[in-house]
Amino acid sequence: MALLQIRVDEELKNQANAIYNELGIDLSTAVRMFLKKSVLEGGIPFETKVDQLTLNAILSVDKMRTISENNGNSELNLNKINEEIRKARKERKNKK
């Protein structure tokens, strides 16, 4: 028998324990059940997916990051970005 140690948030552990207690099993039994079902299924035994809106947001951020890196702007922090915006607004105002 092997020992498996994992770290989880205390609140998550307590919530899971409450559910498993209602089902008449302990946390260790629930984890063993999960692992056995994973082996039987050949993967995670429940559907895991990212909704399309989240996926689009992730892809957009990655695309913007790549464009920024290609333009040499990857080191800009929020203060630098705001400074650039102020400069652009000032230049636009001066052109009017």
Protein backbone atom coordinates (compact mmCIF):
# COMPACT_ATOMS: atom_id res chain seq x y z
CA MET A 1 0.00 0.00 0.00
CA ALA A 2 1.37 3.44 -0.96
CA LEU A 3 0.90 6.72 0.88
CA LEU A 4 -0.53 9.63 -1.13
CA GLN A 5 -0.34 13.15 0.29
CA ILE A 6 -2.02 16.14 -1.34
CA ARG A 7 -2.49 19.76 -0.34
CA VAL A 8 -5.93 21.31 -0.61
CA ASP A 9 -7.65 24.37 0.77
CA GLU A 10 -9.03 23.68 4.27
CA GLU A 11 -12.50 24.87 3.27
CA LEU A 12 -12.55 22.55 0.25
CA LYS A 13 -11.49 19.62 2.43
CA ASN A 14 -14.21 20.37 4.98
CA GLN A 15 -16.90 20.71 2.31
CA ALA A 16 -15.86 17.46 0.62
CA ASN A 17 -15.72 15.66 3.99
CA ALA A 18 -19.26 16.77 4.77
CA ILE A 19 -20.53 15.40 1.46
CA TYR A 20 -18.69 12.08 1.80
CA ASN A 21 -19.84 11.67 5.40
CA GLU A 22 -23.43 11.97 4.17
CA LEU A 23 -22.64 9.24 1.63
CA GLY A 24 -21.17 7.06 4.37
CA ILE A 25 -17.57 7.14 3.14
CA ASP A 26 -14.45 8.95 4.27
CA LEU A 27 -12.19 11.20 2.23
CA SER A 28 -9.59 8.48 1.65
CA THR A 29 -12.23 6.13 0.25
CA ALA A 30 -13.55 8.87 -2.04
CA VAL A 31 -10.04 9.55 -3.39
CA ARG A 32 -9.48 5.81 -3.98
CA MET A 33 -12.81 5.67 -5.81
CA PHE A 34 -11.75 8.59 -7.99
CA LEU A 35 -8.41 6.94 -8.81
CA LYS A 36 -10.01 3.56 -9.60
CA LYS A 37 -12.61 5.19 -11.86
CA SER A 38 -9.83 7.16 -13.60
CA VAL A 39 -8.04 3.91 -14.39
CA LEU A 40 -11.27 2.30 -15.66
CA GLU A 41 -12.11 5.32 -17.82
CA GLY A 42 -8.54 5.84 -19.01
CA GLY A 43 -8.66 9.48 -17.91
CA ILE A 44 -10.47 11.90 -15.66
CA PRO A 45 -13.84 10.28 -14.93
CA PHE A 46 -15.91 13.37 -15.62
CA GLU A 47 -16.13 15.92 -18.39
CA THR A 48 -13.57 18.71 -18.20
CA LYS A 49 -13.87 21.58 -20.61
CA VAL A 50 -13.50 25.31 -20.97
CA ASP A 51 -16.58 27.17 -22.16
CA GLN A 52 -16.24 28.88 -25.53
CA LEU A 53 -16.29 32.42 -24.09
CA THR A 54 -13.41 31.63 -21.72
CA LEU A 55 -11.49 29.89 -24.49
CA ASN A 56 -11.92 32.91 -26.79
CA ALA A 57 -10.68 35.22 -24.02
CA ILE A 58 -7.61 33.05 -23.40
CA LEU A 59 -6.80 32.92 -27.12
CA SER A 60 -7.25 36.70 -27.45
CA VAL A 61 -4.91 37.42 -24.54
CA ASP A 62 -2.31 35.04 -25.98
CA LYS A 63 -2.60 36.73 -29.38
CA MET A 64 -2.22 40.20 -27.83
CA ARG A 65 0.80 39.02 -25.83
CA THR A 66 2.45 37.68 -28.99
CA ILE A 67 1.76 40.92 -30.89
CA SER A 68 3.13 42.94 -27.96
CA GLU A 69 6.29 40.83 -27.81
CA ASN A 70 6.78 41.14 -31.58
CA ASN A 71 6.49 44.93 -31.28
CA GLY A 72 8.91 45.15 -28.36
CA ASN A 73 6.24 46.17 -25.86
CA SER A 74 6.22 43.07 -23.69
CA GLU A 75 7.93 44.85 -20.79
CA LEU A 76 5.22 47.48 -20.40
CA ASN A 77 3.53 47.53 -17.01
CA LEU A 78 0.23 49.26 -16.22
CA ASN A 79 1.92 52.55 -15.31
CA LYS A 80 3.89 52.58 -18.56
CA ILE A 81 0.76 51.76 -20.55
CA ASN A 82 -1.15 54.61 -18.90
CA GLU A 83 1.78 56.94 -19.60
CA GLU A 84 1.70 55.95 -23.28
CA ILE A 85 -2.05 56.61 -23.40
CA ARG A 86 -1.58 60.06 -21.82
CA LYS A 87 1.14 60.90 -24.37
CA ALA A 88 -1.03 59.79 -27.27
CA ARG A 89 -3.99 61.82 -25.99
CA LYS A 90 -1.79 64.88 -25.53
CA GLU A 91 -0.36 64.54 -29.06
CA ARG A 92 -3.85 64.13 -30.50
CA LYS A 93 -5.06 67.18 -28.58
CA ASN A 94 -2.11 69.27 -29.83
CA LYS A 95 -2.87 68.33 -33.45
CA LYS A 96 -6.39 69.84 -33.19
